[in-house]
N, C-alpha and C. Protein backbone atom coordinates (compact mmCIF):
# COMPACT_ATOMS: atom_id res chain seq x y z
N MET A 1 -1.32 13.28 17.92
CA MET A 1 -0.04 12.20 18.54
C MET A 1 0.85 11.47 17.38
N ILE A 2 1.97 11.75 17.29
CA ILE A 2 3.09 11.36 16.16
C ILE A 2 3.47 10.03 16.79
N ARG A 3 3.51 8.84 15.84
CA ARG A 3 4.06 7.50 16.50
C ARG A 3 4.45 6.87 15.06
N ASN A 4 4.93 5.92 15.22
CA ASN A 4 5.80 4.71 13.93
C ASN A 4 4.36 4.28 13.21
N PHE A 5 4.64 4.17 12.17
CA PHE A 5 3.79 3.60 11.28
C PHE A 5 3.53 1.90 12.20
N LYS A 6 2.15 1.49 11.72
CA LYS A 6 1.85 0.26 11.70
C LYS A 6 1.26 -0.57 10.78
N GLU A 7 1.50 -1.85 10.62
CA GLU A 7 0.40 -2.45 9.38
C GLU A 7 -1.02 -1.91 9.15
N SER A 8 -1.42 -2.18 10.45
CA SER A 8 -2.92 -1.56 10.60
C SER A 8 -2.94 -0.23 9.79
N ASP A 9 -2.40 0.55 9.46
CA ASP A 9 -2.47 1.91 8.98
C ASP A 9 -2.44 1.76 7.63
N ILE A 10 -2.48 0.66 6.85
CA ILE A 10 -2.07 0.90 5.57
C ILE A 10 -3.74 1.27 4.89
N HIS A 11 -4.64 0.78 5.38
CA HIS A 11 -5.97 1.46 4.60
C HIS A 11 -5.95 2.70 4.99
N ASP A 12 -5.59 3.38 6.26
CA ASP A 12 -5.67 5.07 6.26
C ASP A 12 -4.61 5.51 5.37
N ILE A 13 -3.44 4.83 5.42
CA ILE A 13 -2.48 5.38 4.25
C ILE A 13 -2.60 5.86 3.24
N GLU A 14 -3.33 4.74 2.42
CA GLU A 14 -3.91 4.69 0.99
C GLU A 14 -4.96 6.06 0.76
N THR A 15 -5.89 5.69 1.69
CA THR A 15 -6.95 7.07 1.61
C THR A 15 -6.33 8.56 1.80
N ILE A 16 -5.15 8.51 2.49
CA ILE A 16 -4.64 10.02 2.71
C ILE A 16 -3.74 10.12 1.79
N TYR A 17 -2.96 9.15 1.30
CA TYR A 17 -2.46 9.53 -0.37
C TYR A 17 -3.13 9.91 -1.44
N GLU A 18 -4.35 9.04 -1.47
CA GLU A 18 -5.08 9.49 -2.48
C GLU A 18 -6.04 10.84 -2.27
N LYS A 19 -6.60 10.77 -1.19
CA LYS A 19 -7.62 12.22 -1.38
C LYS A 19 -6.38 13.17 -1.09
N SER A 20 -5.14 13.73 -0.47
CA SER A 20 -4.56 14.49 -0.67
C SER A 20 -3.93 15.21 -1.72
N ASN A 21 -3.62 14.08 -2.59
CA ASN A 21 -3.05 14.55 -4.04
C ASN A 21 -4.32 15.05 -4.89
N VAL A 22 -5.31 14.15 -4.69
CA VAL A 22 -6.67 14.56 -5.80
C VAL A 22 -7.29 15.83 -4.98
N ALA A 23 -7.14 16.31 -4.06
CA ALA A 23 -7.48 17.39 -3.62
C ALA A 23 -6.63 18.57 -4.20
N LEU A 24 -5.45 18.64 -4.77
CA LEU A 24 -4.73 19.31 -5.23
C LEU A 24 -5.18 19.88 -6.64
N SER A 25 -5.90 18.95 -7.25
CA SER A 25 -6.10 19.21 -8.62
C SER A 25 -4.53 19.61 -9.52
N LEU A 26 -3.79 18.62 -9.68
CA LEU A 26 -2.83 18.91 -10.07
C LEU A 26 -2.74 18.31 -11.93
N GLY A 27 -3.74 18.32 -12.49
CA GLY A 27 -3.82 17.95 -13.89
C GLY A 27 -3.59 16.68 -14.29
N VAL A 28 -3.32 15.81 -13.32
CA VAL A 28 -3.29 14.39 -13.50
C VAL A 28 -4.33 13.52 -14.28
N GLU A 29 -4.08 12.70 -15.01
CA GLU A 29 -5.25 11.72 -15.50
C GLU A 29 -6.10 11.20 -14.32
N PRO A 30 -7.39 11.70 -14.45
CA PRO A 30 -8.58 10.97 -13.39
C PRO A 30 -8.45 9.63 -13.00
N GLY A 31 -7.97 9.52 -11.68
CA GLY A 31 -7.89 8.20 -11.00
C GLY A 31 -6.52 7.99 -11.18
N PHE A 32 -5.65 8.29 -11.37
CA PHE A 32 -4.23 8.35 -11.44
C PHE A 32 -3.87 7.87 -9.80
N PHE A 33 -4.21 8.72 -9.15
CA PHE A 33 -3.85 8.61 -7.52
C PHE A 33 -4.22 7.29 -6.78
N GLY A 34 -5.50 7.21 -7.45
CA GLY A 34 -6.07 5.87 -6.84
C GLY A 34 -5.58 5.05 -7.48
N ARG A 35 -5.23 4.50 -8.47
CA ARG A 35 -4.35 3.34 -8.95
C ARG A 35 -3.35 3.54 -7.97
N ASP A 36 -2.66 4.55 -8.00
CA ASP A 36 -1.15 4.59 -7.57
C ASP A 36 -0.78 4.42 -6.24
N LYS A 37 -2.12 4.32 -5.37
CA LYS A 37 -1.74 4.00 -3.87
C LYS A 37 -1.31 2.59 -3.41
N LYS A 38 -1.60 1.85 -4.20
CA LYS A 38 -1.04 0.56 -3.48
C LYS A 38 0.74 0.43 -3.91
N ASN A 39 1.10 1.33 -5.22
CA ASN A 39 2.47 1.37 -5.59
C ASN A 39 2.96 2.02 -4.41
N PHE A 40 2.30 3.39 -4.13
CA PHE A 40 2.97 3.94 -2.60
C PHE A 40 3.40 3.26 -1.62
N ILE A 41 2.11 2.33 -1.21
CA ILE A 41 2.49 1.57 -0.23
C ILE A 41 3.73 0.53 -0.18
N PHE A 42 3.67 -0.23 -1.38
CA PHE A 42 4.61 -1.43 -1.44
C PHE A 42 5.95 -0.67 -1.89
N LYS A 43 6.13 0.36 -2.90
CA LYS A 43 7.42 0.83 -3.05
C LYS A 43 7.99 1.97 -2.13
N THR A 44 7.19 2.82 -1.62
CA THR A 44 7.47 3.84 -0.52
C THR A 44 7.40 3.44 1.21
N ILE A 45 6.26 3.18 1.45
CA ILE A 45 6.05 2.73 2.59
C ILE A 45 7.23 1.65 3.09
N ARG A 46 7.00 0.76 2.56
CA ARG A 46 7.67 -0.62 2.84
C ARG A 46 9.34 -0.27 3.08
N ASN A 47 9.96 0.85 2.43
CA ASN A 47 11.21 1.05 2.07
C ASN A 47 11.64 2.27 2.86
N CYS A 48 10.62 2.85 3.52
CA CYS A 48 11.08 3.87 4.59
C CYS A 48 10.70 4.15 5.84
N ARG A 49 11.39 5.11 6.68
CA ARG A 49 10.98 5.14 8.09
C ARG A 49 9.81 6.34 8.04
N ASN A 50 8.77 5.61 8.54
CA ASN A 50 7.32 6.45 8.60
C ASN A 50 6.96 6.70 9.61
N LEU A 51 6.52 8.21 9.94
CA LEU A 51 5.94 8.74 11.02
C LEU A 51 4.22 8.78 10.67
N VAL A 52 3.65 8.82 11.72
CA VAL A 52 1.94 8.76 11.37
C VAL A 52 1.56 9.93 12.36
N PHE A 53 0.80 10.65 11.86
CA PHE A 53 0.03 11.54 12.77
C PHE A 53 -1.17 10.85 13.19
N GLU A 54 -1.63 10.87 14.10
CA GLU A 54 -2.66 9.72 14.73
C GLU A 54 -3.82 10.94 15.37
N ARG A 55 -5.13 10.71 15.16
CA ARG A 55 -6.15 11.56 15.75
C ARG A 55 -7.31 10.87 15.72
N GLU A 56 -8.00 10.57 17.12
CA GLU A 56 -9.10 10.26 17.23
C GLU A 56 -8.84 8.78 16.64
N GLY A 57 -7.74 7.89 17.09
CA GLY A 57 -7.72 6.70 16.61
C GLY A 57 -7.28 6.34 15.27
N ARG A 58 -7.12 7.27 14.62
CA ARG A 58 -6.64 6.91 12.98
C ARG A 58 -5.80 7.87 12.41
N ALA A 59 -5.09 7.44 11.57
CA ALA A 59 -3.87 7.97 10.98
C ALA A 59 -4.81 9.04 9.95
N VAL A 60 -4.25 10.19 10.10
CA VAL A 60 -4.83 11.35 9.24
C VAL A 60 -3.56 12.05 8.47
N GLY A 61 -2.27 11.77 8.68
CA GLY A 61 -1.18 12.32 8.18
C GLY A 61 0.15 11.26 8.21
N ILE A 62 1.18 11.49 7.21
CA ILE A 62 2.29 10.67 7.26
C ILE A 62 3.39 11.62 6.66
N ILE A 63 4.34 11.11 7.29
CA ILE A 63 5.90 11.56 6.35
C ILE A 63 6.76 10.32 6.40
N SER A 64 7.02 9.60 5.05
CA SER A 64 8.21 8.92 4.74
C SER A 64 9.06 9.08 4.27
N CYS A 65 10.46 8.68 4.99
CA CYS A 65 11.90 9.24 4.48
C CYS A 65 12.82 7.92 4.44
N SER A 66 13.37 8.33 3.32
CA SER A 66 14.30 7.12 2.93
C SER A 66 15.99 7.91 3.10
N GLN A 67 16.73 7.45 3.93
CA GLN A 67 17.90 7.96 4.21
C GLN A 67 17.58 9.56 4.40
N ASP A 68 18.09 10.62 3.85
CA ASP A 68 17.75 12.05 4.09
C ASP A 68 17.02 12.18 2.96
N TYR A 69 16.38 11.87 2.37
CA TYR A 69 14.86 12.15 1.46
C TYR A 69 13.50 12.12 2.01
N ILE A 70 12.82 13.18 1.73
CA ILE A 70 11.74 12.80 2.09
C ILE A 70 10.83 12.37 0.71
N GLU A 71 10.23 10.91 0.64
CA GLU A 71 9.29 10.43 -0.29
C GLU A 71 8.16 10.76 -0.45
N GLY A 72 7.75 11.44 1.19
CA GLY A 72 6.06 11.94 0.89
C GLY A 72 5.66 12.45 2.21
N LEU A 73 5.01 13.34 2.00
CA LEU A 73 4.21 14.11 3.06
C LEU A 73 2.99 14.19 3.13
N PHE A 74 1.92 13.86 3.27
CA PHE A 74 0.87 13.76 2.88
C PHE A 74 -0.27 13.84 4.44
N VAL A 75 -1.42 14.83 4.14
CA VAL A 75 -2.58 15.03 5.38
C VAL A 75 -3.55 15.06 4.62
N LEU A 76 -4.59 14.27 5.25
CA LEU A 76 -5.92 14.21 4.80
C LEU A 76 -6.46 16.09 4.95
N PRO A 77 -7.11 16.39 3.44
CA PRO A 77 -7.48 17.73 3.00
C PRO A 77 -8.26 18.17 4.40
N GLU A 78 -9.22 17.33 5.12
CA GLU A 78 -10.06 17.88 5.99
C GLU A 78 -8.97 18.11 7.28
N TYR A 79 -8.00 17.92 7.20
CA TYR A 79 -6.91 18.04 8.78
C TYR A 79 -5.64 18.90 8.22
N TRP A 80 -6.26 19.57 6.87
CA TRP A 80 -4.80 20.73 6.53
C TRP A 80 -5.11 22.02 7.21
N ASP A 81 -4.12 22.76 7.44
CA ASP A 81 -4.09 23.96 7.94
C ASP A 81 -4.32 23.66 9.72
N ARG A 82 -3.95 22.71 10.41
CA ARG A 82 -4.00 22.39 11.38
C ARG A 82 -2.84 22.03 12.09
N GLY A 83 -1.21 22.33 11.31
CA GLY A 83 -0.22 22.12 11.74
C GLY A 83 0.46 20.44 11.64
N ILE A 84 -0.40 19.85 11.28
CA ILE A 84 -0.21 18.30 11.25
C ILE A 84 1.30 18.22 10.51
N GLY A 85 1.28 18.74 9.45
CA GLY A 85 2.16 18.72 8.44
C GLY A 85 3.59 19.03 9.14
N SER A 86 3.28 20.12 9.39
CA SER A 86 4.58 20.90 10.22
C SER A 86 5.20 19.99 11.53
N GLU A 87 4.30 19.22 12.36
CA GLU A 87 4.69 18.59 13.09
C GLU A 87 5.46 17.77 12.79
N LEU A 88 4.92 16.56 11.71
CA LEU A 88 5.62 15.62 11.18
C LEU A 88 6.87 15.95 10.32
N LEU A 89 7.10 17.26 9.99
CA LEU A 89 8.20 17.69 9.25
C LEU A 89 9.17 17.79 10.40
N ASN A 90 8.96 18.66 11.28
CA ASN A 90 9.52 18.55 12.06
C ASN A 90 10.19 17.62 13.07
N SER A 91 9.30 16.67 13.21
CA SER A 91 9.73 15.22 13.86
C SER A 91 10.98 14.44 12.76
N ALA A 92 10.75 14.75 11.39
CA ALA A 92 11.54 14.21 10.62
C ALA A 92 12.85 15.00 10.61
N LEU A 93 12.77 16.33 10.52
CA LEU A 93 14.24 16.98 10.92
C LEU A 93 14.94 16.67 12.22
N SER A 94 14.26 16.46 13.15
CA SER A 94 14.85 16.32 14.41
C SER A 94 15.70 15.18 14.39
N GLU A 95 15.63 14.30 13.48
CA GLU A 95 16.39 13.03 13.26
C GLU A 95 17.11 13.14 12.29
N LYS A 96 17.95 13.69 11.46
CA LYS A 96 18.41 14.41 10.26
C LYS A 96 19.31 15.80 10.28
N LYS A 97 20.36 15.51 9.82
CA LYS A 97 21.06 16.92 9.53
C LYS A 97 20.18 17.59 8.13
N GLU A 98 20.35 17.30 7.43
CA GLU A 98 19.60 17.54 6.20
C GLU A 98 18.43 16.91 5.47
N LEU A 99 17.58 17.27 4.86
CA LEU A 99 16.69 16.82 4.01
C LEU A 99 16.47 17.23 2.83
N SER A 100 15.83 16.32 1.64
CA SER A 100 15.44 16.96 0.31
C SER A 100 14.43 16.43 -0.12
N LEU A 101 13.69 16.71 -1.15
CA LEU A 101 12.61 16.04 -1.88
C LEU A 101 12.48 16.74 -3.07
N GLN A 102 11.55 16.33 -3.54
CA GLN A 102 10.72 16.87 -5.10
C GLN A 102 9.43 17.22 -4.90
N VAL A 103 9.11 18.21 -5.22
CA VAL A 103 7.67 18.67 -4.77
C VAL A 103 7.30 19.23 -6.36
N TYR A 104 5.73 18.99 -6.61
CA TYR A 104 5.02 19.10 -8.03
C TYR A 104 5.03 20.77 -8.05
N ALA A 105 6.00 21.27 -9.15
CA ALA A 105 6.16 22.80 -9.33
C ALA A 105 4.64 23.68 -9.04
N ASP A 106 3.75 22.96 -9.46
CA ASP A 106 2.36 23.47 -9.48
C ASP A 106 1.76 23.63 -8.48
N ASN A 107 2.34 22.64 -7.39
CA ASN A 107 1.72 22.55 -6.00
C ASN A 107 2.27 23.74 -5.29
N THR A 108 1.69 25.16 -5.20
CA THR A 108 2.15 26.02 -4.77
C THR A 108 1.77 26.01 -3.17
N ARG A 109 0.87 25.36 -2.96
CA ARG A 109 0.58 25.35 -1.33
C ARG A 109 1.70 24.51 -0.60
N ALA A 110 2.43 23.42 -1.33
CA ALA A 110 3.35 22.58 -0.72
C ALA A 110 4.79 23.35 -0.63
N VAL A 111 5.15 23.87 -1.97
CA VAL A 111 6.47 24.82 -2.12
C VAL A 111 6.53 26.06 -1.12
N ASN A 112 5.20 26.39 -1.03
CA ASN A 112 5.24 27.65 -0.12
C ASN A 112 5.43 26.87 1.65
N PHE A 113 4.81 25.72 1.95
CA PHE A 113 4.83 25.28 3.41
C PHE A 113 6.42 24.80 3.19
N TYR A 114 6.86 24.21 2.39
CA TYR A 114 8.47 23.90 2.72
C TYR A 114 9.25 25.01 2.67
N ARG A 115 9.51 26.02 2.06
CA ARG A 115 9.95 27.35 1.94
C ARG A 115 9.96 28.15 3.41
N LYS A 116 8.49 27.94 3.96
CA LYS A 116 8.16 28.41 5.26
C LYS A 116 9.05 27.55 6.23
N HIS A 117 9.59 26.37 6.03
CA HIS A 117 10.16 25.43 6.93
C HIS A 117 11.68 25.50 6.73
N GLY A 118 11.96 26.66 5.85
CA GLY A 118 13.46 26.52 5.49
C GLY A 118 14.00 25.80 4.31
N PHE A 119 13.56 25.25 3.55
CA PHE A 119 13.74 24.37 2.09
C PHE A 119 14.04 25.51 1.39
N GLU A 120 15.00 25.25 0.44
CA GLU A 120 15.08 25.92 -0.86
C GLU A 120 15.21 25.60 -2.09
N ILE A 121 14.72 25.96 -3.17
CA ILE A 121 14.97 25.09 -4.25
C ILE A 121 15.87 24.62 -4.72
N SER A 122 16.54 23.66 -5.28
CA SER A 122 17.99 23.41 -5.39
C SER A 122 17.95 22.41 -6.96
N GLY A 123 16.56 22.50 -7.52
CA GLY A 123 16.90 22.06 -9.01
C GLY A 123 15.61 21.65 -9.65
N ASN A 124 15.37 21.18 -10.50
CA ASN A 124 14.01 21.15 -11.02
C ASN A 124 14.13 19.78 -12.14
N GLY A 125 12.87 19.19 -12.72
CA GLY A 125 12.87 18.38 -13.38
C GLY A 125 11.43 18.02 -14.04
N ILE A 126 11.18 16.70 -14.76
CA ILE A 126 10.05 16.28 -14.95
C ILE A 126 9.88 14.83 -14.45
N CYS A 127 8.73 14.39 -13.74
CA CYS A 127 8.29 13.41 -13.00
C CYS A 127 8.06 12.42 -14.13
N GLN A 128 8.72 11.14 -14.11
CA GLN A 128 8.73 10.28 -15.06
C GLN A 128 7.04 9.78 -14.87
N MET A 129 6.53 9.51 -13.72
CA MET A 129 5.08 9.07 -13.90
C MET A 129 3.98 9.54 -14.26
N THR A 130 3.87 10.90 -13.76
CA THR A 130 2.76 12.05 -14.10
C THR A 130 3.32 13.24 -14.97
N ARG A 131 4.37 13.06 -15.70
CA ARG A 131 4.79 13.89 -16.71
C ARG A 131 4.56 15.55 -15.99
N LEU A 132 4.64 15.76 -14.89
CA LEU A 132 4.33 17.04 -14.35
C LEU A 132 5.77 17.69 -13.95
N PRO A 133 5.99 18.93 -13.97
CA PRO A 133 7.25 19.68 -13.75
C PRO A 133 7.41 19.42 -11.89
N TYR A 134 8.60 19.41 -11.50
CA TYR A 134 8.81 19.16 -9.75
C TYR A 134 9.97 20.15 -9.79
N PHE A 135 9.91 20.66 -8.34
CA PHE A 135 11.10 21.22 -7.79
C PHE A 135 11.99 20.30 -7.06
N GLU A 136 13.09 20.66 -6.94
CA GLU A 136 13.84 19.70 -5.93
C GLU A 136 14.17 20.91 -4.77
N MET A 137 13.88 20.37 -3.57
CA MET A 137 14.08 21.19 -2.49
C MET A 137 14.87 20.63 -1.76
N ARG A 138 15.76 21.44 -0.54
CA ARG A 138 16.66 20.79 0.30
C ARG A 138 16.68 22.04 1.30
N LYS A 139 16.68 21.06 2.58
CA LYS A 139 17.12 22.11 3.87
C LYS A 139 18.40 21.53 4.29
N THR A 140 19.41 22.38 5.14
CA THR A 140 20.31 21.55 5.52
C THR A 140 20.22 22.41 7.13
N HIS A 141 20.53 21.97 8.40
CA HIS A 141 20.66 22.52 9.48
C HIS A 141 21.87 23.45 9.68
């Protein structure tokens, strides 16, 4: 079930953020995402429209958007490949005429996911926090 974020979701969201990033083995310093999860909550969640995917009474996925930009889309790894990310993305797309995002270039799983949903690479850069290369991606209806 997709619903709006509630304050009581914060612990689940921290877990989703950390576990999903760690599972990707992106080559960042060990412990980075564990330390950064509070930053994600206070700088991203607090300033975004957040939709949560709930399963069995707990949040297992989240999409966070500010304006027409996806700040994050994360799903617990044990729930990957079940359509949760697609449902969250489609819910966000139903509210916007266009959306853009940044995704780590080495995260081929996510790059392919967004391509499958009609996003195209529109630029690239280097993330200031992780020093990893990223792609900018965009979709317009």
